[in-house]
N, C-alpha and C. Protein backbone atom coordinates (compact mmCIF):
# COMPACT_ATOMS: atom_id res chain seq x y z
N UNK A 1 21.57 18.39 -19.76
CA UNK A 1 21.71 16.97 -19.39
C UNK A 1 21.48 16.80 -17.88
N UNK A 2 21.97 17.75 -17.11
CA UNK A 2 21.82 17.65 -15.65
C UNK A 2 20.35 17.75 -15.26
N UNK A 3 19.62 18.65 -15.93
CA UNK A 3 18.19 18.81 -15.62
C UNK A 3 17.44 17.52 -15.95
N UNK A 4 17.77 16.91 -17.07
CA UNK A 4 17.11 15.66 -17.46
C UNK A 4 17.38 14.59 -16.41
N UNK A 5 18.63 14.54 -15.95
CA UNK A 5 19.01 13.55 -14.93
C UNK A 5 18.20 13.78 -13.65
N UNK A 6 18.08 15.05 -13.25
CA UNK A 6 17.32 15.38 -12.04
C UNK A 6 15.85 14.99 -12.21
N UNK A 7 15.30 15.25 -13.39
CA UNK A 7 13.90 14.89 -13.66
C UNK A 7 13.72 13.38 -13.55
N UNK A 8 14.64 12.62 -14.14
CA UNK A 8 14.56 11.16 -14.07
C UNK A 8 14.61 10.70 -12.62
N UNK A 9 15.50 11.32 -11.84
CA UNK A 9 15.63 10.94 -10.44
C UNK A 9 14.32 11.22 -9.69
N UNK A 10 13.73 12.37 -9.94
CA UNK A 10 12.46 12.72 -9.29
C UNK A 10 11.38 11.72 -9.68
N UNK A 11 11.30 11.37 -10.96
CA UNK A 11 10.30 10.41 -11.42
C UNK A 11 10.51 9.05 -10.76
N UNK A 12 11.76 8.65 -10.63
CA UNK A 12 12.06 7.37 -9.98
C UNK A 12 11.60 7.40 -8.53
N UNK A 13 11.88 8.51 -7.83
CA UNK A 13 11.48 8.62 -6.43
C UNK A 13 9.96 8.60 -6.31
N UNK A 14 9.28 9.28 -7.23
CA UNK A 14 7.82 9.31 -7.21
C UNK A 14 7.25 7.92 -7.42
N UNK A 15 7.79 7.19 -8.40
CA UNK A 15 7.28 5.84 -8.67
C UNK A 15 7.58 4.93 -7.48
N UNK A 16 8.73 5.13 -6.84
CA UNK A 16 9.08 4.33 -5.66
C UNK A 16 8.08 4.60 -4.54
N UNK A 17 7.75 5.89 -4.34
CA UNK A 17 6.80 6.26 -3.30
C UNK A 17 5.42 5.68 -3.60
N UNK A 18 5.01 5.73 -4.86
CA UNK A 18 3.68 5.22 -5.22
C UNK A 18 3.62 3.71 -5.03
N UNK A 19 4.71 3.01 -5.36
CA UNK A 19 4.76 1.56 -5.16
C UNK A 19 4.68 1.25 -3.67
N UNK A 20 5.44 2.00 -2.88
CA UNK A 20 5.43 1.81 -1.43
C UNK A 20 4.03 2.07 -0.88
N UNK A 21 3.40 3.15 -1.38
CA UNK A 21 2.05 3.51 -0.95
C UNK A 21 1.06 2.40 -1.29
N UNK A 22 1.17 1.87 -2.51
CA UNK A 22 0.28 0.79 -2.94
C UNK A 22 0.46 -0.44 -2.05
N UNK A 23 1.73 -0.75 -1.73
CA UNK A 23 2.00 -1.89 -0.85
C UNK A 23 1.36 -1.69 0.51
N UNK A 24 1.53 -0.49 1.06
CA UNK A 24 0.98 -0.20 2.39
C UNK A 24 -0.54 -0.30 2.39
N UNK A 25 -1.18 0.30 1.38
CA UNK A 25 -2.65 0.30 1.34
C UNK A 25 -3.18 -1.11 1.18
N UNK A 26 -2.55 -1.90 0.31
CA UNK A 26 -3.02 -3.28 0.11
C UNK A 26 -2.78 -4.09 1.38
N UNK A 27 -1.66 -3.83 2.07
CA UNK A 27 -1.36 -4.54 3.32
C UNK A 27 -2.41 -4.21 4.38
N UNK A 28 -2.72 -2.90 4.51
CA UNK A 28 -3.68 -2.49 5.54
C UNK A 28 -5.09 -2.99 5.22
N UNK A 29 -5.47 -2.95 3.95
CA UNK A 29 -6.80 -3.45 3.57
C UNK A 29 -6.86 -4.96 3.82
N UNK A 30 -5.73 -5.64 3.61
CA UNK A 30 -5.66 -7.08 3.88
C UNK A 30 -5.85 -7.34 5.37
N UNK A 31 -5.13 -6.57 6.20
CA UNK A 31 -5.26 -6.71 7.65
C UNK A 31 -6.69 -6.41 8.08
N UNK A 32 -7.29 -5.37 7.46
CA UNK A 32 -8.65 -4.96 7.80
C UNK A 32 -9.62 -6.08 7.48
N UNK A 33 -9.47 -6.69 6.31
CA UNK A 33 -10.37 -7.78 5.91
C UNK A 33 -10.16 -8.98 6.83
N UNK A 34 -8.92 -9.22 7.25
CA UNK A 34 -8.66 -10.31 8.20
C UNK A 34 -9.40 -10.04 9.50
N UNK A 35 -9.28 -8.81 10.00
CA UNK A 35 -9.95 -8.43 11.24
C UNK A 35 -11.46 -8.59 11.11
N UNK A 36 -12.01 -8.19 9.96
CA UNK A 36 -13.45 -8.30 9.74
C UNK A 36 -13.86 -9.77 9.70
N UNK A 37 -13.03 -10.60 9.07
CA UNK A 37 -13.33 -12.03 8.99
C UNK A 37 -13.37 -12.63 10.40
N UNK A 38 -12.41 -12.22 11.23
CA UNK A 38 -12.37 -12.72 12.61
C UNK A 38 -13.65 -12.30 13.33
N UNK A 39 -14.08 -11.03 13.15
CA UNK A 39 -15.30 -10.54 13.78
C UNK A 39 -16.50 -11.35 13.31
N UNK A 40 -16.58 -11.62 12.01
CA UNK A 40 -17.70 -12.39 11.47
C UNK A 40 -17.71 -13.79 12.08
N UNK A 41 -16.54 -14.39 12.20
CA UNK A 41 -16.45 -15.73 12.77
C UNK A 41 -16.95 -15.72 14.21
N UNK A 42 -16.58 -14.68 14.97
CA UNK A 42 -17.02 -14.58 16.36
C UNK A 42 -18.54 -14.43 16.42
N UNK A 43 -19.08 -13.63 15.52
CA UNK A 43 -20.53 -13.41 15.49
C UNK A 43 -21.25 -14.72 15.16
N UNK A 44 -20.72 -15.45 14.18
CA UNK A 44 -21.33 -16.72 13.78
C UNK A 44 -21.22 -17.73 14.92
N UNK A 45 -20.08 -17.71 15.63
CA UNK A 45 -19.87 -18.64 16.73
C UNK A 45 -20.90 -18.44 17.83
N UNK A 46 -21.29 -17.19 18.07
CA UNK A 46 -22.29 -16.88 19.09
C UNK A 46 -23.66 -17.25 18.54
């Protein structure tokens, strides 16, 4: 029973890490696209 509990805990931590990772990557790609949009606007403005 203890081993099963430990396995569940590990799986929960892994899923938490993957969710956090997904949030970070989507956030950074969002920031990146924002930065690119700003660059495009500057280029168009010139």
